[in-house]
Amino acid sequence: MPTTSYSEAEMKEGKDLISLLVDTKIAKNRSEGRRLIEQNGISVNGVKVTDVKAAFSSNDFDSDGELIIQKGKYDERIAERFFSKEEQEYLKHTDETLYP
């Protein structure tokens, strides 16, 4: 499945869904992204999104550090959270996850 990575800094403040759609190449441009959302064609982690102002931050990623963005029934992309070196080192030495 095609994957796009984001740094913690990018996702800490949140990123709007339309930008995520363009970045992951689900939509060719912001207009198409807005239209897909308005026509109920987008799901994030299995939940339909109908708000064109929806935004996602680090807290919205699953335990694997991923957001699965789906257009229609079959076109899926992954927005992946990139772990900093400090976070990677921390995860190596613990059984904890950075996501609750």
N, C-alpha and C. Protein backbone atom coordinates (compact mmCIF):
# COMPACT_ATOMS: atom_id res chain seq x y z
N MET A 1 0.85 -1.17 0.00
CA MET A 1 0.00 0.00 0.00
C MET A 1 0.90 1.24 0.00
N PRO A 2 0.62 2.24 -0.85
CA PRO A 2 1.44 3.46 -0.87
C PRO A 2 1.43 4.17 0.49
N THR A 3 2.60 4.65 0.88
CA THR A 3 2.77 5.25 2.20
C THR A 3 3.43 6.62 2.09
N THR A 4 2.95 7.56 2.90
CA THR A 4 3.55 8.89 3.01
C THR A 4 3.92 9.10 4.47
N SER A 5 5.14 9.55 4.73
CA SER A 5 5.61 9.73 6.11
C SER A 5 5.60 11.20 6.51
N TYR A 6 5.27 11.43 7.77
CA TYR A 6 5.25 12.77 8.35
C TYR A 6 6.06 12.78 9.64
N SER A 7 6.75 13.87 9.90
CA SER A 7 7.51 13.98 11.15
C SER A 7 6.56 14.32 12.30
N GLU A 8 7.03 14.10 13.50
CA GLU A 8 6.25 14.43 14.69
C GLU A 8 5.93 15.92 14.70
N ALA A 9 6.89 16.74 14.32
CA ALA A 9 6.67 18.19 14.32
C ALA A 9 5.53 18.58 13.38
N GLU A 10 5.46 17.94 12.21
CA GLU A 10 4.39 18.24 11.26
C GLU A 10 3.03 17.84 11.81
N MET A 11 2.98 16.73 12.53
CA MET A 11 1.70 16.21 12.99
C MET A 11 1.28 16.70 14.37
N LYS A 12 2.21 17.28 15.11
CA LYS A 12 1.89 17.73 16.46
C LYS A 12 0.76 18.77 16.45
N GLU A 13 0.86 19.74 15.54
CA GLU A 13 -0.16 20.79 15.45
C GLU A 13 -1.40 20.32 14.71
N GLY A 14 -1.27 19.28 13.94
CA GLY A 14 -2.39 18.77 13.16
C GLY A 14 -2.26 19.16 11.70
N LYS A 15 -2.81 18.34 10.85
CA LYS A 15 -2.76 18.56 9.42
C LYS A 15 -4.16 18.33 8.89
N ASP A 16 -4.64 19.26 8.07
CA ASP A 16 -6.01 19.12 7.58
C ASP A 16 -6.12 17.95 6.61
N LEU A 17 -7.29 17.36 6.56
CA LEU A 17 -7.52 16.17 5.75
C LEU A 17 -7.29 16.44 4.26
N ILE A 18 -7.67 17.60 3.79
CA ILE A 18 -7.48 17.91 2.37
C ILE A 18 -5.99 17.87 2.02
N SER A 19 -5.14 18.41 2.87
CA SER A 19 -3.69 18.35 2.63
C SER A 19 -3.20 16.91 2.64
N LEU A 20 -3.72 16.09 3.56
CA LEU A 20 -3.35 14.69 3.60
C LEU A 20 -3.74 13.98 2.31
N LEU A 21 -4.91 14.31 1.77
CA LEU A 21 -5.37 13.68 0.53
C LEU A 21 -4.46 14.04 -0.64
N VAL A 22 -4.03 15.29 -0.69
CA VAL A 22 -3.14 15.72 -1.78
C VAL A 22 -1.75 15.11 -1.58
N ASP A 23 -1.24 15.14 -0.35
CA ASP A 23 0.09 14.59 -0.07
C ASP A 23 0.18 13.10 -0.39
N THR A 24 -0.88 12.36 -0.10
CA THR A 24 -0.88 10.92 -0.34
C THR A 24 -1.29 10.57 -1.77
N LYS A 25 -1.58 11.59 -2.56
CA LYS A 25 -1.96 11.45 -3.97
C LYS A 25 -3.31 10.75 -4.17
N ILE A 26 -4.16 10.80 -3.16
CA ILE A 26 -5.53 10.33 -3.35
C ILE A 26 -6.28 11.35 -4.18
N ALA A 27 -5.98 12.63 -3.94
CA ALA A 27 -6.58 13.71 -4.71
C ALA A 27 -5.48 14.45 -5.46
N LYS A 28 -5.79 14.88 -6.68
CA LYS A 28 -4.80 15.60 -7.50
C LYS A 28 -4.58 17.01 -7.00
N ASN A 29 -5.62 17.60 -6.40
CA ASN A 29 -5.52 18.97 -5.89
C ASN A 29 -6.52 19.15 -4.75
N ARG A 30 -6.48 20.31 -4.12
CA ARG A 30 -7.34 20.58 -2.97
C ARG A 30 -8.82 20.58 -3.35
N SER A 31 -9.14 21.05 -4.55
CA SER A 31 -10.54 21.07 -5.00
C SER A 31 -11.10 19.65 -5.08
N GLU A 32 -10.33 18.76 -5.66
CA GLU A 32 -10.77 17.37 -5.76
C GLU A 32 -10.90 16.75 -4.37
N GLY A 33 -9.96 17.06 -3.49
CA GLY A 33 -10.03 16.55 -2.12
C GLY A 33 -11.28 17.00 -1.41
N ARG A 34 -11.60 18.27 -1.53
CA ARG A 34 -12.82 18.83 -0.91
C ARG A 34 -14.06 18.13 -1.47
N ARG A 35 -14.10 17.95 -2.77
CA ARG A 35 -15.23 17.31 -3.43
C ARG A 35 -15.39 15.86 -2.95
N LEU A 36 -14.30 15.13 -2.83
CA LEU A 36 -14.36 13.75 -2.34
C LEU A 36 -14.94 13.68 -0.93
N ILE A 37 -14.53 14.59 -0.08
CA ILE A 37 -15.04 14.62 1.30
C ILE A 37 -16.53 14.95 1.30
N GLU A 38 -16.92 15.97 0.54
CA GLU A 38 -18.32 16.39 0.49
C GLU A 38 -19.23 15.30 -0.05
N GLN A 39 -18.70 14.43 -0.92
CA GLN A 39 -19.50 13.36 -1.52
C GLN A 39 -19.38 12.05 -0.74
N ASN A 40 -18.89 12.13 0.49
CA ASN A 40 -18.76 10.96 1.38
C ASN A 40 -17.87 9.87 0.80
N GLY A 41 -16.83 10.26 0.09
CA GLY A 41 -15.96 9.28 -0.54
C GLY A 41 -14.70 8.97 0.24
N ILE A 42 -14.52 9.55 1.42
CA ILE A 42 -13.27 9.38 2.18
C ILE A 42 -13.54 8.79 3.56
N SER A 43 -12.72 7.80 3.92
CA SER A 43 -12.74 7.23 5.27
C SER A 43 -11.33 7.30 5.83
N VAL A 44 -11.24 7.55 7.13
CA VAL A 44 -9.94 7.54 7.81
C VAL A 44 -10.05 6.53 8.95
N ASN A 45 -9.18 5.54 8.92
CA ASN A 45 -9.20 4.44 9.90
C ASN A 45 -10.59 3.82 10.00
N GLY A 46 -11.26 3.66 8.84
CA GLY A 46 -12.54 2.98 8.78
C GLY A 46 -13.76 3.83 9.11
N VAL A 47 -13.57 5.13 9.35
CA VAL A 47 -14.67 6.01 9.70
C VAL A 47 -14.86 7.05 8.59
N LYS A 48 -16.09 7.15 8.06
CA LYS A 48 -16.38 8.15 7.02
C LYS A 48 -16.15 9.55 7.58
N VAL A 49 -15.53 10.39 6.77
CA VAL A 49 -15.29 11.78 7.17
C VAL A 49 -16.09 12.67 6.23
N THR A 50 -16.94 13.53 6.81
CA THR A 50 -17.78 14.40 6.00
C THR A 50 -17.48 15.87 6.22
N ASP A 51 -16.61 16.18 7.17
CA ASP A 51 -16.26 17.56 7.48
C ASP A 51 -15.01 17.96 6.70
N VAL A 52 -15.15 18.94 5.80
CA VAL A 52 -14.01 19.36 4.99
C VAL A 52 -12.95 20.07 5.83
N LYS A 53 -13.29 20.45 7.04
CA LYS A 53 -12.34 21.11 7.93
C LYS A 53 -11.68 20.13 8.90
N ALA A 54 -11.92 18.85 8.71
CA ALA A 54 -11.35 17.83 9.61
C ALA A 54 -9.83 17.91 9.56
N ALA A 55 -9.21 17.74 10.73
CA ALA A 55 -7.75 17.75 10.84
C ALA A 55 -7.33 16.59 11.74
N PHE A 56 -6.13 16.10 11.50
CA PHE A 56 -5.62 14.96 12.26
C PHE A 56 -4.26 15.31 12.83
N SER A 57 -4.01 14.82 14.05
CA SER A 57 -2.72 15.09 14.70
C SER A 57 -2.12 13.75 15.14
N SER A 58 -1.02 13.82 15.84
CA SER A 58 -0.33 12.61 16.32
C SER A 58 -1.24 11.71 17.12
N ASN A 59 -2.19 12.29 17.84
CA ASN A 59 -3.09 11.51 18.69
C ASN A 59 -4.04 10.63 17.90
N ASP A 60 -4.23 10.93 16.62
CA ASP A 60 -5.18 10.19 15.80
C ASP A 60 -4.57 8.96 15.13
N PHE A 61 -3.26 8.82 15.19
CA PHE A 61 -2.60 7.67 14.58
C PHE A 61 -2.88 6.43 15.41
N ASP A 62 -2.93 5.26 14.76
CA ASP A 62 -3.16 4.02 15.49
C ASP A 62 -1.88 3.57 16.21
N SER A 63 -1.92 2.43 16.85
CA SER A 63 -0.78 1.97 17.64
C SER A 63 0.45 1.66 16.78
N ASP A 64 0.26 1.49 15.47
CA ASP A 64 1.39 1.27 14.56
C ASP A 64 1.92 2.58 13.99
N GLY A 65 1.35 3.71 14.40
CA GLY A 65 1.78 5.00 13.90
C GLY A 65 1.26 5.30 12.51
N GLU A 66 0.06 4.81 12.21
CA GLU A 66 -0.49 4.98 10.87
C GLU A 66 -1.91 5.54 10.89
N LEU A 67 -2.23 6.29 9.85
CA LEU A 67 -3.60 6.67 9.52
C LEU A 67 -3.88 5.99 8.19
N ILE A 68 -4.92 5.22 8.11
CA ILE A 68 -5.27 4.60 6.84
C ILE A 68 -6.37 5.44 6.21
N ILE A 69 -6.04 6.04 5.08
CA ILE A 69 -6.96 6.93 4.38
C ILE A 69 -7.48 6.17 3.17
N GLN A 70 -8.79 6.09 3.06
CA GLN A 70 -9.39 5.29 2.00
C GLN A 70 -10.32 6.15 1.15
N LYS A 71 -10.18 6.02 -0.18
CA LYS A 71 -11.08 6.67 -1.13
C LYS A 71 -11.93 5.56 -1.75
N GLY A 72 -13.22 5.65 -1.57
CA GLY A 72 -14.08 4.61 -2.10
C GLY A 72 -13.85 3.29 -1.39
N LYS A 73 -13.99 2.21 -2.14
CA LYS A 73 -13.92 0.90 -1.52
C LYS A 73 -12.52 0.29 -1.57
N TYR A 74 -11.75 0.63 -2.61
CA TYR A 74 -10.50 -0.10 -2.81
C TYR A 74 -9.22 0.73 -2.77
N ASP A 75 -9.30 2.01 -2.93
CA ASP A 75 -8.10 2.86 -3.00
C ASP A 75 -7.69 3.28 -1.60
N GLU A 76 -6.64 2.65 -1.05
CA GLU A 76 -6.17 2.95 0.30
C GLU A 76 -4.74 3.48 0.26
N ARG A 77 -4.46 4.42 1.16
CA ARG A 77 -3.11 4.94 1.34
C ARG A 77 -2.85 5.03 2.83
N ILE A 78 -1.58 5.04 3.18
CA ILE A 78 -1.20 5.16 4.59
C ILE A 78 -0.44 6.45 4.79
N ALA A 79 -0.86 7.20 5.81
CA ALA A 79 -0.08 8.33 6.30
C ALA A 79 0.61 7.80 7.55
N GLU A 80 1.93 7.79 7.53
CA GLU A 80 2.71 7.16 8.60
C GLU A 80 3.44 8.22 9.40
N ARG A 81 3.45 8.05 10.70
CA ARG A 81 4.18 8.96 11.56
C ARG A 81 5.63 8.53 11.60
N PHE A 82 6.52 9.45 11.33
CA PHE A 82 7.95 9.18 11.36
C PHE A 82 8.46 9.40 12.78
N PHE A 83 9.14 8.41 13.33
CA PHE A 83 9.68 8.51 14.68
C PHE A 83 11.06 9.15 14.65
N SER A 84 11.29 10.08 15.57
CA SER A 84 12.61 10.69 15.68
C SER A 84 13.59 9.64 16.22
N LYS A 85 14.88 9.93 16.14
CA LYS A 85 15.89 8.99 16.63
C LYS A 85 15.72 8.73 18.12
N GLU A 86 15.37 9.76 18.88
CA GLU A 86 15.17 9.60 20.32
C GLU A 86 13.99 8.66 20.60
N GLU A 87 12.90 8.83 19.84
CA GLU A 87 11.73 7.98 20.02
C GLU A 87 12.05 6.54 19.63
N GLN A 88 12.78 6.35 18.54
CA GLN A 88 13.16 5.01 18.11
C GLN A 88 14.00 4.32 19.18
N GLU A 89 14.95 5.05 19.76
CA GLU A 89 15.82 4.51 20.80
C GLU A 89 14.99 4.13 22.03
N TYR A 90 14.06 4.99 22.40
CA TYR A 90 13.19 4.73 23.54
C TYR A 90 12.38 3.45 23.31
N LEU A 91 11.81 3.30 22.11
CA LEU A 91 11.00 2.14 21.82
C LEU A 91 11.80 0.84 21.82
N LYS A 92 13.06 0.91 21.45
CA LYS A 92 13.91 -0.28 21.44
C LYS A 92 14.10 -0.84 22.85
N HIS A 93 14.11 0.05 23.83
CA HIS A 93 14.45 -0.35 25.20
C HIS A 93 13.25 -0.51 26.11
N THR A 94 12.06 -0.40 25.57
CA THR A 94 10.86 -0.58 26.39
C THR A 94 9.84 -1.41 25.64
N ASP A 95 8.87 -1.88 26.34
CA ASP A 95 7.76 -2.60 25.71
C ASP A 95 6.59 -1.65 25.48
N GLU A 96 6.77 -0.38 25.84
CA GLU A 96 5.69 0.57 25.72
C GLU A 96 5.54 1.04 24.27
N THR A 97 4.39 1.54 23.99
CA THR A 97 4.14 2.16 22.70
C THR A 97 3.97 3.65 22.94
N LEU A 98 4.24 4.45 21.94
CA LEU A 98 4.07 5.89 22.10
C LEU A 98 2.61 6.30 21.95
N TYR A 99 1.78 5.34 21.59
CA TYR A 99 0.35 5.63 21.40
C TYR A 99 -0.44 4.86 22.43
N PRO A 100 -1.38 5.55 23.09
CA PRO A 100 -2.19 4.86 24.09
C PRO A 100 -3.12 3.84 23.48
